[in-house]
C-alpha atoms as a PDB file:
ATOM      1  CA  MET A   1     133.634  87.948  86.853  1.00  0.00           C
ATOM      2  CA  LYS A   2     133.095  90.528  84.120  1.00  0.00           C
ATOM      3  CA  PHE A   3     135.671  93.051  82.968  1.00  0.00           C
ATOM      4  CA  SER A   4     135.440  96.105  80.769  1.00  0.00           C
ATOM      5  CA  PHE A   5     137.747  95.713  77.772  1.00  0.00           C
ATOM      6  CA  SER A   6     138.204  99.431  77.201  1.00  0.00           C
ATOM      7  CA  LEU A   7     139.021 100.976  80.533  1.00  0.00           C
ATOM      8  CA  PHE A   8     139.508 104.551  79.389  1.00  0.00           C
ATOM      9  CA  PRO A   9     137.246 105.334  76.429  1.00  0.00           C
ATOM     10  CA  PHE A  10     137.279 108.965  77.484  1.00  0.00           C
ATOM     11  CA  ILE A  11     141.015 109.708  77.414  1.00  0.00           C
ATOM     12  CA  LYS A  12     140.844 111.522  74.089  1.00  0.00           C
ATOM     13  CA  HIS A  13     139.381 114.488  75.980  1.00  0.00           C
ATOM     14  CA  GLN A  14     142.388 116.385  77.219  1.00  0.00           C
ATOM     15  CA  ASP A  15     140.569 117.917  80.194  1.00  0.00           C
ATOM     16  CA  THR A  16     139.594 114.687  81.964  1.00  0.00           C
ATOM     17  CA  PRO A  17     140.173 114.502  85.726  1.00  0.00           C
ATOM     18  CA  LEU A  18     142.537 111.571  85.292  1.00  0.00           C
ATOM     19  CA  ILE A  19     144.843 113.435  82.928  1.00  0.00           C
ATOM     20  CA  LYS A  20     144.835 116.420  85.249  1.00  0.00           C
ATOM     21  CA  GLU A  21     145.742 114.192  88.188  1.00  0.00           C
ATOM     22  CA  LEU A  22     148.618 112.671  86.247  1.00  0.00           C
ATOM     23  CA  LYS A  23     149.948 116.041  85.124  1.00  0.00           C
ATOM     24  CA  ASN A  24     149.738 117.378  88.666  1.00  0.00           C
ATOM     25  CA  ALA A  25     151.552 114.300  89.968  1.00  0.00           C
ATOM     26  CA  THR A  26     154.508 114.817  87.647  1.00  0.00           C
ATOM     27  CA  SER A  27     154.946 118.418  88.745  1.00  0.00           C
ATOM     28  CA  SER A  28     154.431 117.970  92.486  1.00  0.00           C
ATOM     29  CA  GLN A  29     157.322 117.715  94.927  1.00  0.00           C
ATOM     30  CA  ALA A  30     157.810 114.834  97.338  1.00  0.00           C
ATOM     31  CA  PRO A  31     156.167 115.626 100.701  1.00  0.00           C
ATOM     32  CA  ASP A  32     158.083 115.852 103.940  1.00  0.00           C
ATOM     33  CA  LEU A  33     157.864 112.670 105.994  1.00  0.00           C
ATOM     34  CA  THR A  34     156.853 112.575 109.637  1.00  0.00           C
ATOM     35  CA  PRO A  35     158.831 110.440 112.111  1.00  0.00           C
ATOM     36  CA  GLU A  36     156.058 107.831 111.855  1.00  0.00           C
ATOM     37  CA  ASP A  37     156.327 107.895 108.057  1.00  0.00           C
ATOM     38  CA  VAL A  38     160.070 107.325 108.276  1.00  0.00           C
ATOM     39  CA  LYS A  39     159.563 104.415 110.679  1.00  0.00           C
ATOM     40  CA  ILE A  40     157.033 102.735 108.384  1.00  0.00           C
ATOM     41  CA  SER A  41     159.191 103.344 105.315  1.00  0.00           C
ATOM     42  CA  ASN A  42     162.263 101.839 106.946  1.00  0.00           C
ATOM     43  CA  GLN A  43     160.278  98.745 107.937  1.00  0.00           C
ATOM     44  CA  ILE A  44     159.008  98.373 104.370  1.00  0.00           C
ATOM     45  CA  ARG A  45     162.509  98.763 102.974  1.00  0.00           C
ATOM     46  CA  GLU A  46     163.832  96.071 105.324  1.00  0.00           C
ATOM     47  CA  ARG A  47     161.003  93.666 104.427  1.00  0.00           C
ATOM     48  CA  THR A  48     161.599  94.273 100.730  1.00  0.00           C
ATOM     49  CA  GLU A  49     165.343  93.645 101.003  1.00  0.00           C
ATOM     50  CA  ARG A  50     164.786  90.396 102.925  1.00  0.00           C
ATOM     51  CA  ALA A  51     162.350  89.119 100.315  1.00  0.00           C
ATOM     52  CA  ASN A  52     164.492  90.276  97.374  1.00  0.00           C
ATOM     53  CA  GLN A  53     167.360  87.833  97.939  1.00  0.00           C
ATOM     54  CA  ASN A  54     166.686  85.657  94.913  1.00  0.00           C
ATOM     55  CA  ASN A  55     163.983  84.438  92.553  1.00  0.00           C
ATOM     56  CA  VAL A  56     162.585  81.899  95.031  1.00  0.00           C
ATOM     57  CA  THR A  57     162.152  84.423  97.862  1.00  0.00           C
ATOM     58  CA  ARG A  58     160.569  86.985  95.516  1.00  0.00           C
ATOM     59  CA  THR A  59     158.171  84.511  94.001  1.00  0.00           C
ATOM     60  CA  LYS A  60     157.004  83.324  97.417  1.00  0.00           C
ATOM     61  CA  ALA A  61     156.564  86.906  98.650  1.00  0.00           C
ATOM     62  CA  TYR A  62     154.257  87.745  95.745  1.00  0.00           C
ATOM     63  CA  LEU A  63     152.035  84.731  96.458  1.00  0.00           C
ATOM     64  CA  ASP A  64     151.972  85.312 100.207  1.00  0.00           C
ATOM     65  CA  PHE A  65     150.843  88.875  99.614  1.00  0.00           C
ATOM     66  CA  TYR A  66     148.135  87.871  97.142  1.00  0.00           C
ATOM     67  CA  LEU A  67     146.705  85.276  99.504  1.00  0.00           C
ATOM     68  CA  LYS A  68     146.270  88.021 102.105  1.00  0.00           C
ATOM     69  CA  HIS A  69     145.032  90.622  99.609  1.00  0.00           C
ATOM     70  CA  PRO A  70     143.323  88.893  96.642  1.00  0.00           C
ATOM     71  CA  GLU A  71     141.975  92.244  95.444  1.00  0.00           C
ATOM     72  CA  ILE A  72     145.522  93.013  94.237  1.00  0.00           C
ATOM     73  CA  HIS A  73     145.398  90.784  91.151  1.00  0.00           C
ATOM     74  CA  TRP A  74     148.808  91.904  89.916  1.00  0.00           C
ATOM     75  CA  ALA A  75     150.569  90.224  92.848  1.00  0.00           C
ATOM     76  CA  PHE A  76     149.416  86.797  91.673  1.00  0.00           C
ATOM     77  CA  LEU A  77     150.249  87.538  88.047  1.00  0.00           C
ATOM     78  CA  ALA A  78     153.724  88.645  89.200  1.00  0.00           C
ATOM     79  CA  HIS A  79     154.067  85.399  91.149  1.00  0.00           C
ATOM     80  CA  LEU A  80     153.332  83.324  88.036  1.00  0.00           C
ATOM     81  CA  VAL A  81     155.630  85.320  85.761  1.00  0.00           C
ATOM     82  CA  SER A  82     158.380  85.211  88.388  1.00  0.00           C
ATOM     83  CA  ARG A  83     158.068  81.410  88.492  1.00  0.00           C
ATOM     84  CA  ASN A  84     158.740  81.376  84.758  1.00  0.00           C
ATOM     85  CA  ALA A  85     161.786  83.606  85.233  1.00  0.00           C
ATOM     86  CA  GLY A  86     163.139  81.107  87.750  1.00  0.00           C
ATOM     87  CA  TRP A  87     162.569  78.164  85.413  1.00  0.00           C
ATOM     88  CA  THR A  88     164.420  80.007  82.660  1.00  0.00           C
ATOM     89  CA  MET A  89     167.298  80.736  85.052  1.00  0.00           C
ATOM     90  CA  THR A  90     167.704  77.059  85.903  1.00  0.00           C
ATOM     91  CA  ASP A  91     167.291  76.004  82.254  1.00  0.00           C
ATOM     92  CA  LEU A  92     170.664  77.650  81.711  1.00  0.00           C
ATOM     93  CA  LYS A  93     172.233  74.985  83.954  1.00  0.00           C
ATOM     94  CA  GLY A  94     169.840  72.221  82.916  1.00  0.00           C
ATOM     95  CA  GLU A  95     169.798  69.350  80.449  1.00  0.00           C
ATOM     96  CA  TYR A  96     170.063  71.247  77.169  1.00  0.00           C
ATOM     97  CA  LEU A  97     171.249  74.839  77.459  1.00  0.00           C
ATOM     98  CA  SER A  98     174.233  73.913  79.623  1.00  0.00           C
ATOM     99  CA  ARG A  99     175.530  71.981  76.584  1.00  0.00           C
ATOM    100  CA  LEU A 100     174.497  74.525  73.957  1.00  0.00           C
ATOM    101  CA  LEU A 101     175.671  77.715  75.698  1.00  0.00           C
ATOM    102  CA  SER A 102     179.146  78.665  76.851  1.00  0.00           C
ATOM    103  CA  GLN A 103     179.734  79.415  80.536  1.00  0.00           C
ATOM    104  CA  GLU A 104     179.998  83.085  79.597  1.00  0.00           C
ATOM    105  CA  ASP A 105     176.649  83.037  77.776  1.00  0.00           C
ATOM    106  CA  GLN A 106     174.993  81.221  80.675  1.00  0.00           C
ATOM    107  CA  GLN A 107     176.226  83.887  83.097  1.00  0.00           C
ATOM    108  CA  SER A 108     175.162  86.745  80.798  1.00  0.00           C
ATOM    109  CA  PHE A 109     171.659  85.349  80.357  1.00  0.00           C
ATOM    110  CA  PHE A 110     171.305  84.734  84.090  1.00  0.00           C
ATOM    111  CA  SER A 111     172.518  88.260  84.934  1.00  0.00           C
ATOM    112  CA  PHE A 112     169.907  89.705  82.591  1.00  0.00           C
ATOM    113  CA  LEU A 113     167.059  87.615  84.058  1.00  0.00           C
ATOM    114  CA  GLU A 114     168.121  88.216  87.647  1.00  0.00           C
ATOM    115  CA  ARG A 115     168.524  91.971  87.169  1.00  0.00           C
ATOM    116  CA  GLY A 116     165.039  92.321  85.696  1.00  0.00           C
ATOM    117  CA  ASN A 117     163.466  90.098  88.350  1.00  0.00           C
ATOM    118  CA  TRP A 118     165.218  92.019  91.128  1.00  0.00           C
ATOM    119  CA  LEU A 119     164.401  95.455  89.700  1.00  0.00           C
ATOM    120  CA  ILE A 120     160.680  94.821  89.332  1.00  0.00           C
ATOM    121  CA  PHE A 121     160.452  93.471  92.868  1.00  0.00           C
ATOM    122  CA  GLN A 122     162.321  96.372  94.472  1.00  0.00           C
ATOM    123  CA  ASP A 123     159.990  98.793  92.680  1.00  0.00           C
ATOM    124  CA  ALA A 124     156.687  96.940  93.091  1.00  0.00           C
ATOM    125  CA  PHE A 125     156.872  95.241  96.477  1.00  0.00           C
ATOM    126  CA  PRO A 126     157.127  98.497  98.468  1.00  0.00           C
ATOM    127  CA  GLN A 127     153.962  99.601  96.663  1.00  0.00           C
ATOM    128  CA  LEU A 128     152.177  96.480  97.862  1.00  0.00           C
ATOM    129  CA  LEU A 129     153.418  96.931 101.418  1.00  0.00           C
ATOM    130  CA  ILE A 130     152.394 100.597 101.476  1.00  0.00           C
ATOM    131  CA  TYR A 131     148.894  99.516 100.495  1.00  0.00           C
ATOM    132  CA  GLU A 132     148.960  96.925 103.292  1.00  0.00           C
ATOM    133  CA  GLU A 133     150.044  99.570 105.804  1.00  0.00           C
ATOM    134  CA  SER A 134     147.287 101.856 104.551  1.00  0.00           C
ATOM    135  CA  LEU A 135     144.740  99.159 105.346  1.00  0.00           C
ATOM    136  CA  LYS A 136     146.194  98.742 108.839  1.00  0.00           C
ATOM    137  CA  LYS A 137     146.116 102.495 109.491  1.00  0.00           C
ATOM    138  CA  ARG A 138     142.739 102.846 107.741  1.00  0.00           C
ATOM    139  CA  LYS A 139     144.017 105.778 105.735  1.00  0.00           C
ATOM    140  CA  PRO A 140     145.946 106.122 102.453  1.00  0.00           C
ATOM    141  CA  LEU A 141     149.718 106.334 102.855  1.00  0.00           C
ATOM    142  CA  PHE A 142     150.583 106.623  99.186  1.00  0.00           C
ATOM    143  CA  HIS A 143     152.623 109.750  99.774  1.00  0.00           C
ATOM    144  CA  LEU A 144     155.270 107.257 100.944  1.00  0.00           C
ATOM    145  CA  LEU A 145     155.683 106.020  97.362  1.00  0.00           C
ATOM    146  CA  SER A 146     158.055 108.889  96.654  1.00  0.00           C
ATOM    147  CA  PHE A 147     160.328 107.629  99.466  1.00  0.00           C
ATOM    148  CA  PHE A 148     160.901 104.534  97.296  1.00  0.00           C
ATOM    149  CA  HIS A 149     161.225 106.537  94.056  1.00  0.00           C
ATOM    150  CA  VAL A 150     158.077 104.940  92.632  1.00  0.00           C
ATOM    151  CA  SER A 151     156.808 106.654  89.499  1.00  0.00           C
ATOM    152  CA  SER A 152     154.299 109.478  89.956  1.00  0.00           C
ATOM    153  CA  PHE A 153     152.145 107.483  87.530  1.00  0.00           C
ATOM    154  CA  MET A 154     151.476 104.864  90.210  1.00  0.00           C
ATOM    155  CA  ASN A 155     150.730 107.409  92.904  1.00  0.00           C
ATOM    156  CA  VAL A 156     147.642 108.437  90.935  1.00  0.00           C
ATOM    157  CA  PHE A 157     146.418 104.888  90.337  1.00  0.00           C
ATOM    158  CA  TRP A 158     146.954 103.720  93.913  1.00  0.00           C
ATOM    159  CA  SER A 159     145.028 106.748  95.158  1.00  0.00           C
ATOM    160  CA  ARG A 160     142.227 105.956  92.736  1.00  0.00           C
ATOM    161  CA  PHE A 161     142.198 102.314  93.775  1.00  0.00           C
ATOM    162  CA  TRP A 162     141.793 103.355  97.404  1.00  0.00           C
ATOM    163  CA  SER A 163     138.559 105.085  96.388  1.00  0.00           C
ATOM    164  CA  ASP A 164     137.108 102.816  93.700  1.00  0.00           C
ATOM    165  CA  ASN A 165     138.656  99.381  94.469  1.00  0.00           C
ATOM    166  CA  ASP A 166     138.989  98.745  90.724  1.00  0.00           C
ATOM    167  CA  SER A 167     141.370  95.775  90.641  1.00  0.00           C
ATOM    168  CA  VAL A 168     141.471  95.618  86.846  1.00  0.00           C
ATOM    169  CA  THR A 169     142.614  99.192  86.306  1.00  0.00           C
ATOM    170  CA  LEU A 170     145.239  98.920  89.032  1.00  0.00           C
ATOM    171  CA  SER A 171     146.552  95.688  87.500  1.00  0.00           C
ATOM    172  CA  VAL A 172     146.955  97.208  84.057  1.00  0.00           C
ATOM    173  CA  ALA A 173     148.598 100.296  85.571  1.00  0.00           C
ATOM    174  CA  LEU A 174     151.125  98.071  87.351  1.00  0.00           C
ATOM    175  CA  ILE A 175     151.830  96.129  84.131  1.00  0.00           C
ATOM    176  CA  ILE A 176     152.459  99.397  82.284  1.00  0.00           C
ATOM    177  CA  ASN A 177     154.575 100.802  85.111  1.00  0.00           C
ATOM    178  CA  GLU A 178     156.847  97.797  85.580  1.00  0.00           C
ATOM    179  CA  GLN A 179     157.554  97.322  81.875  1.00  0.00           C
ATOM    180  CA  HIS A 180     158.433 100.979  81.464  1.00  0.00           C
ATOM    181  CA  TYR A 181     160.491 100.822  84.645  1.00  0.00           C
ATOM    182  CA  ILE A 182     162.772  98.036  83.364  1.00  0.00           C
ATOM    183  CA  ASP A 183     162.891  99.361  79.795  1.00  0.00           C
ATOM    184  CA  SER A 184     165.762 101.809  80.284  1.00  0.00           C
ATOM    185  CA  ARG A 185     167.298  99.978  83.247  1.00  0.00           C
ATOM    186  CA  VAL A 186     167.600  96.529  81.642  1.00  0.00           C
ATOM    187  CA  ILE A 187     166.118  96.029  78.180  1.00  0.00           C
ATOM    188  CA  ASN A 188     167.834  98.957  76.493  1.00  0.00           C
ATOM    189  CA  LYS A 189     171.095  98.740  78.395  1.00  0.00           C
ATOM    190  CA  LYS A 190     173.957  98.450  75.904  1.00  0.00           C
ATOM    191  CA  HIS A 191     175.543  95.738  78.021  1.00  0.00           C
ATOM    192  CA  PHE A 192     172.512  93.425  77.828  1.00  0.00           C
ATOM    193  CA  LYS A 193     171.886  94.176  74.158  1.00  0.00           C
ATOM    194  CA  LYS A 194     175.426  93.099  73.399  1.00  0.00           C
ATOM    195  CA  THR A 195     175.627  90.071  75.707  1.00  0.00           C
ATOM    196  CA  VAL A 196     172.041  88.795  75.395  1.00  0.00           C
ATOM    197  CA  PHE A 197     169.674  90.157  72.741  1.00  0.00           C
ATOM    198  CA  PHE A 198     172.088  90.403  69.817  1.00  0.00           C
ATOM    199  CA  THR A 199     173.704  87.011  70.400  1.00  0.00           C
ATOM    200  CA  LEU A 200     173.145  83.892  68.328  1.00  0.00           C
ATOM    201  CA  PRO A 201     171.933  81.820  71.318  1.00  0.00           C
ATOM    202  CA  PHE A 202     169.163  84.339  72.060  1.00  0.00           C
ATOM    203  CA  GLN A 203     168.094  84.413  68.419  1.00  0.00           C
ATOM    204  CA  LEU A 204     168.070  80.613  68.437  1.00  0.00           C
ATOM    205  CA  GLN A 205     165.684  80.620  71.405  1.00  0.00           C
ATOM    206  CA  GLU A 206     163.353  82.862  69.397  1.00  0.00           C
ATOM    207  CA  VAL A 207     163.461  80.481  66.440  1.00  0.00           C
ATOM    208  CA  LEU A 208     162.837  77.439  68.640  1.00  0.00           C
ATOM    209  CA  ASN A 209     159.917  79.135  70.455  1.00  0.00           C
ATOM    210  CA  MET A 210     161.661  78.490  73.762  1.00  0.00           C
ATOM    211  CA  ASN A 211     160.498  81.746  75.319  1.00  0.00           C
ATOM    212  CA  VAL A 212     157.142  80.430  76.504  1.00  0.00           C
ATOM    213  CA  LEU A 213     155.362  81.566  79.666  1.00  0.00           C
ATOM    214  CA  LEU A 214     153.599  78.603  81.256  1.00  0.00           C
ATOM    215  CA  PHE A 215     150.835  78.785  83.858  1.00  0.00           C
ATOM    216  CA  PRO A 216     150.124  75.330  85.331  1.00  0.00           C
ATOM    217  CA  MET A 217     146.705  74.571  86.752  1.00  0.00           C
ATOM    218  CA  ILE A 218     145.004  71.596  88.385  1.00  0.00           C
ATOM    219  CA  ARG A 219     142.009  70.455  86.328  1.00  0.00           C
ATOM    220  CA  ASN A 220     140.300  67.097  86.715  1.00  0.00           C
ATOM    221  CA  ASN A 221     143.020  66.018  89.151  1.00  0.00           C
ATOM    222  CA  SER A 222     145.781  66.511  86.579  1.00  0.00           C
ATOM    223  CA  ILE A 223     148.143  69.375  85.744  1.00  0.00           C
ATOM    224  CA  GLN A 224     147.420  71.262  82.536  1.00  0.00           C
ATOM    225  CA  LEU A 225     149.262  74.235  81.051  1.00  0.00           C
ATOM    226  CA  ILE A 226     148.066  77.528  79.618  1.00  0.00           C
ATOM    227  CA  GLY A 227     150.195  80.522  78.723  1.00  0.00           C
ATOM    228  CA  GLU A 228     151.698  82.548  75.920  1.00  0.00           C
ATOM    229  CA  PRO A 229     154.836  82.571  73.769  1.00  0.00           C
ATOM    230  CA  ALA A 230     156.931  85.691  74.449  1.00  0.00           C
ATOM    231  CA  HIS A 231     158.274  87.387  71.318  1.00  0.00           C
ATOM    232  CA  HIS A 232     159.585  90.881  70.460  1.00  0.00           C
ATOM    233  CA  PHE A 233     160.956  91.264  73.977  1.00  0.00           C
ATOM    234  CA  LEU A 234     162.855  94.413  73.081  1.00  0.00           C
ATOM    235  CA  TYR A 235     159.687  96.493  72.629  1.00  0.00           C
ATOM    236  CA  VAL A 236     157.930  97.889  75.683  1.00  0.00           C
ATOM    237  CA  LYS A 237     154.481  97.988  74.063  1.00  0.00           C
ATOM    238  CA  GLU A 238     154.777  94.336  73.034  1.00  0.00           C
ATOM    239  CA  ARG A 239     155.687  93.356  76.596  1.00  0.00           C
ATOM    240  CA  ILE A 240     152.737  95.333  77.948  1.00  0.00           C
ATOM    241  CA  GLU A 241     150.371  93.665  75.479  1.00  0.00           C
ATOM    242  CA  LEU A 242     151.759  90.283  76.539  1.00  0.00           C
ATOM    243  CA  GLY A 243     151.206  91.189  80.185  1.00  0.00           C
ATOM    244  CA  LYS A 244     147.596  92.128  79.501  1.00  0.00           C
ATOM    245  CA  ARG A 245     146.951  88.892  77.588  1.00  0.00           C
ATOM    246  CA  LEU A 246     148.407  86.904  80.485  1.00  0.00           C
ATOM    247  CA  TYR A 247     146.258  88.856  82.926  1.00  0.00           C
ATOM    248  CA  GLN A 248     143.169  87.936  80.937  1.00  0.00           C
ATOM    249  CA  LEU A 249     144.162  84.268  80.895  1.00  0.00           C
ATOM    250  CA  VAL A 250     144.349  84.207  84.681  1.00  0.00           C
ATOM    251  CA  PHE A 251     141.561  86.544  85.774  1.00  0.00           C
ATOM    252  CA  SER A 252     138.862  86.608  83.103  1.00  0.00           C
ATOM    253  CA  LYS A 253     137.435  83.256  84.225  1.00  0.00           C
ATOM    254  CA  GLN A 254     136.922  82.545  87.910  1.00  0.00           C
ATOM    255  CA  SER A 255     137.181  78.789  87.293  1.00  0.00           C
ATOM    256  CA  VAL A 256     140.615  79.147  85.645  1.00  0.00           C
ATOM    257  CA  LEU A 257     141.859  81.417  88.441  1.00  0.00           C
ATOM    258  CA  LYS A 258     140.847  78.840  91.042  1.00  0.00           C
ATOM    259  CA  GLU A 259     142.595  76.034  89.121  1.00  0.00           C
ATOM    260  CA  ILE A 260     145.845  77.991  88.762  1.00  0.00           C
ATOM    261  CA  LEU A 261     145.733  79.161  92.378  1.00  0.00           C
ATOM    262  CA  LYS A 262     145.146  75.582  93.584  1.00  0.00           C
ATOM    263  CA  TRP A 263     148.324  74.503  91.823  1.00  0.00           C
ATOM    264  CA  ALA A 264     150.341  77.488  93.071  1.00  0.00           C
ATOM    265  CA  GLU A 265     149.314  76.960  96.694  1.00  0.00           C
ATOM    266  CA  THR A 266     150.184  73.261  96.636  1.00  0.00           C
ATOM    267  CA  SER A 267     153.430  73.520  94.626  1.00  0.00           C
ATOM    268  CA  PRO A 268     156.203  75.510  96.349  1.00  0.00           C
ATOM    269  CA  HIS A 269     158.509  77.236  93.879  1.00  0.00           C
ATOM    270  CA  THR A 270     162.011  75.742  93.725  1.00  0.00           C
ATOM    271  CA  GLY A 271     163.110  76.930  90.277  1.00  0.00           C
ATOM    272  CA  SER A 272     162.987  73.394  88.863  1.00  0.00           C
ATOM    273  CA  ARG A 273     160.455  72.522  86.170  1.00  0.00           C
ATOM    274  CA  LYS A 274     159.843  69.398  88.204  1.00  0.00           C
ATOM    275  CA  ASP A 275     157.493  71.663  90.191  1.00  0.00           C
ATOM    276  CA  PHE A 276     154.873  71.378  87.449  1.00  0.00           C
ATOM    277  CA  TRP A 277     155.922  68.305  85.438  1.00  0.00           C
ATOM    278  CA  PRO A 278     157.604  65.667  87.659  1.00  0.00           C
ATOM    279  CA  ASP A 279     157.033  62.878  85.123  1.00  0.00           C
ATOM    280  CA  LEU A 280     159.124  64.747  82.551  1.00  0.00           C
ATOM    281  CA  PHE A 281     161.666  66.691  84.663  1.00  0.00           C
ATOM    282  CA  HIS A 282     163.776  65.895  87.699  1.00  0.00           C
ATOM    283  CA  SER A 283     165.876  68.208  89.863  1.00  0.00           C
ATOM    284  CA  ILE A 284     168.642  65.587  90.141  1.00  0.00           C
ATOM    285  CA  ARG A 285     170.424  64.308  87.057  1.00  0.00           C
ATOM    286  CA  GLU A 286     169.368  60.707  86.419  1.00  0.00           C
ATOM    287  CA  GLY A 287     171.753  58.293  84.675  1.00  0.00           C
ATOM    288  CA  SER A 288     174.749  59.418  82.649  1.00  0.00           C
ATOM    289  CA  ILE A 289     174.811  62.575  80.516  1.00  0.00           C
ATOM    290  CA  ASP A 290     175.096  60.469  77.348  1.00  0.00           C
ATOM    291  CA  GLU A 291     172.296  58.019  78.189  1.00  0.00           C
ATOM    292  CA  LYS A 292     169.750  57.760  75.370  1.00  0.00           C
ATOM    293  CA  ARG A 293     166.364  59.355  75.978  1.00  0.00           C
ATOM    294  CA  VAL A 294     163.257  58.828  73.857  1.00  0.00           C
ATOM    295  CA  LEU A 295     160.587  61.564  74.003  1.00  0.00           C
ATOM    296  CA  GLN A 296     157.126  61.101  72.559  1.00  0.00           C
ATOM    297  CA  LYS A 297     154.670  63.987  72.932  1.00  0.00           C
ATOM    298  CA  CYS A 298     156.420  65.233  76.074  1.00  0.00           C
ATOM    299  CA  THR A 299     156.467  61.780  77.612  1.00  0.00           C
ATOM    300  CA  VAL A 300     159.697  59.981  78.468  1.00  0.00           C
ATOM    301  CA  GLU A 301     159.300  56.654  76.694  1.00  0.00           C
ATOM    302  CA  LYS A 302     162.839  55.527  77.452  1.00  0.00           C
ATOM    303  CA  GLY A 303     165.777  56.788  79.477  1.00  0.00           C
ATOM    304  CA  PRO A 304     166.128  59.370  82.250  1.00  0.00           C
ATOM    305  CA  ARG A 305     163.910  62.352  82.903  1.00  0.00           C
ATOM    306  CA  ILE A 306     165.113  65.767  81.726  1.00  0.00           C
ATOM    307  CA  TYR A 307     167.465  67.408  84.208  1.00  0.00           C
ATOM    308  CA  SER A 308     165.979  70.640  85.595  1.00  0.00           C
ATOM    309  CA  PRO A 309     167.853  71.793  88.719  1.00  0.00           C
ATOM    310  CA  SER A 310     166.601  73.988  91.537  1.00  0.00           C
ATOM    311  CA  LEU A 311     167.630  77.641  91.815  1.00  0.00           C
ATOM    312  CA  SER A 312     170.466  76.711  94.181  1.00  0.00           C
ATOM    313  CA  VAL A 313     172.652  76.176  91.074  1.00  0.00           C
ATOM    314  CA  TRP A 314     172.973  79.986  91.056  1.00  0.00           C
ATOM    315  CA  LYS A 315     174.371  82.051  93.899  1.00  0.00           C
ATOM    316  CA  ASN A 316     172.588  85.117  95.267  1.00  0.00           C
ATOM    317  CA  VAL A 317     173.665  88.358  93.590  1.00  0.00           C
ATOM    318  CA  GLN A 318     174.381  91.710  95.228  1.00  0.00           C
ATOM    319  CA  GLN A 319     172.683  94.223  92.935  1.00  0.00           C
ATOM    320  CA  GLU A 320     173.626  97.839  92.258  1.00  0.00           C
ATOM    321  CA  THR A 321     171.133 100.580  93.099  1.00  0.00           C
ATOM    322  CA  PRO A 322     169.181 101.599  89.964  1.00  0.00           C
ATOM    323  CA  ASP A 323     168.856 105.144  88.695  1.00  0.00           C
ATOM    324  CA  ARG A 324     165.924 107.056  90.170  1.00  0.00           C
ATOM    325  CA  LYS A 325     164.627 108.826  87.074  1.00  0.00           C
ATOM    326  CA  ASP A 326     160.834 108.716  86.664  1.00  0.00           C
ATOM    327  CA  TRP A 327     159.905 107.052  83.362  1.00  0.00           C
ATOM    328  CA  PHE A 328     156.508 108.808  83.246  1.00  0.00           C
ATOM    329  CA  ILE A 329     156.727 112.040  81.249  1.00  0.00           C
ATOM    330  CA  ASN A 330     153.370 112.347  79.432  1.00  0.00           C
ATOM    331  CA  THR A 331     149.861 110.905  79.352  1.00  0.00           C
ATOM    332  CA  SER A 332     150.162 109.124  76.000  1.00  0.00           C
ATOM    333  CA  VAL A 333     150.538 105.815  77.886  1.00  0.00           C
ATOM    334  CA  LEU A 334     146.843 105.933  78.718  1.00  0.00           C
ATOM    335  CA  SER A 335     146.210 104.536  75.241  1.00  0.00           C
ATOM    336  CA  LEU A 336     147.706 101.266  76.520  1.00  0.00           C
ATOM    337  CA  PHE A 337     144.914 100.589  79.017  1.00  0.00           C
ATOM    338  CA  SER A 338     142.479  98.781  76.736  1.00  0.00           C
ATOM    339  CA  LEU A 339     142.318  95.050  77.483  1.00  0.00           C
ATOM    340  CA  PRO A 340     142.149  92.374  74.796  1.00  0.00           C
ATOM    341  CA  GLU A 341     139.408  89.770  74.731  1.00  0.00           C
ATOM    342  CA  PRO A 342     140.451  86.633  76.651  1.00  0.00           C
ATOM    343  CA  ASP A 343     141.903  84.056  74.274  1.00  0.00           C
ATOM    344  CA  PHE A 344     142.148  80.426  75.370  1.00  0.00           C
ATOM    345  CA  SER A 345     142.473  79.033  71.843  1.00  0.00           C
ATOM    346  CA  GLY A 346     146.263  78.640  71.830  1.00  0.00           C
ATOM    347  CA  ASN A 347     147.942  75.359  72.695  1.00  0.00           C
ATOM    348  CA  VAL A 348     151.008  76.514  74.584  1.00  0.00           C
ATOM    349  CA  GLN A 349     151.718  73.015  75.873  1.00  0.00           C
ATOM    350  CA  LYS A 350     152.082  71.781  72.286  1.00  0.00           C
ATOM    351  CA  ILE A 351     154.397  74.692  71.449  1.00  0.00           C
ATOM    352  CA  TYR A 352     156.546  74.015  74.490  1.00  0.00           C
ATOM    353  CA  CYS A 353     156.720  70.283  73.787  1.00  0.00           C
ATOM    354  CA  ARG A 354     157.822  70.955  70.216  1.00  0.00           C
ATOM    355  CA  SER A 355     160.652  73.124  71.576  1.00  0.00           C
ATOM    356  CA  LEU A 356     161.778  70.336  73.917  1.00  0.00           C
ATOM    357  CA  HIS A 357     161.843  67.832  71.064  1.00  0.00           C
ATOM    358  CA  LEU A 358     163.929  70.215  68.928  1.00  0.00           C
ATOM    359  CA  LEU A 359     166.366  70.724  71.809  1.00  0.00           C
ATOM    360  CA  GLU A 360     166.605  66.982  72.371  1.00  0.00           C
ATOM    361  CA  SER A 361     167.490  66.436  68.709  1.00  0.00           C
ATOM    362  CA  LEU A 362     170.010  69.311  68.728  1.00  0.00           C
ATOM    363  CA  VAL A 363     171.841  68.020  71.784  1.00  0.00           C
END
């Protein structure tokens, strides 16, 4: 599988067809919907709401969609990132953070993670289902995107994908769209800045390198981890660059994709880190909370496994409807489409293990 690492070398020319399409999309009005359009849209909305109950249902929905439509790479990337969001949610009630964070901090961090996870799904999943309906009807139905208040930016790239079937470009467009979408609705919300980003516990996680995205894979009949540390979370361009690096990790090598997919298909998501490391984590607390544990290179030499509960430790949340403002206002974001070279040189498992050892010593 070969990818071009500079998808839009021609964007400096202000009269390109793509730029014209994007400018026209921002100025066009939403079309009137036929009765059939309304019927399809209502069905998509109902399916999205059913799947958007919590992190487990979202994560499963992404994978189920990808298995039916593997040309939509982003759905599998979203599945993997959503798994990580779930693990972080349950960490808050797990072995270490439940003793280092107050109940109020735990709730604030969870609310932030859940809001972002929910928002991305309610924006992206209707896009995926509209594409699926288009395949069934054998005609593009992307005019329905406006019914779900999807950015005009994505209307252009879905229409292009229908013609050129360029999975890479669509994936990068979705990465750019979703990170811009949550930027004003979550990341830059005063409430979350005050209760999450500017707090000592969040800064401590940065120092301890705890914000690590892990992608398990089955290689030589054992589970191995690849991934990336996540830093500078406040900046939309940094999050987009991280998304593109993660995309390259998963999709630049067919062998790696198969190994990650094999793990994902055989390991249902529960929210517990036991899903990928049962020798180290357990979803039920073993022994007493004060029982001595000895860790050596992420191996439990003595004592109980690390407590990592399932998502059921958190109740489902009824979310408020987000604002409908379109984030896309100019074509400068096209400069974000270049892909980095794939980089498999990092040892994310070592970084993550070091964080666990630091937490163990702190607690």
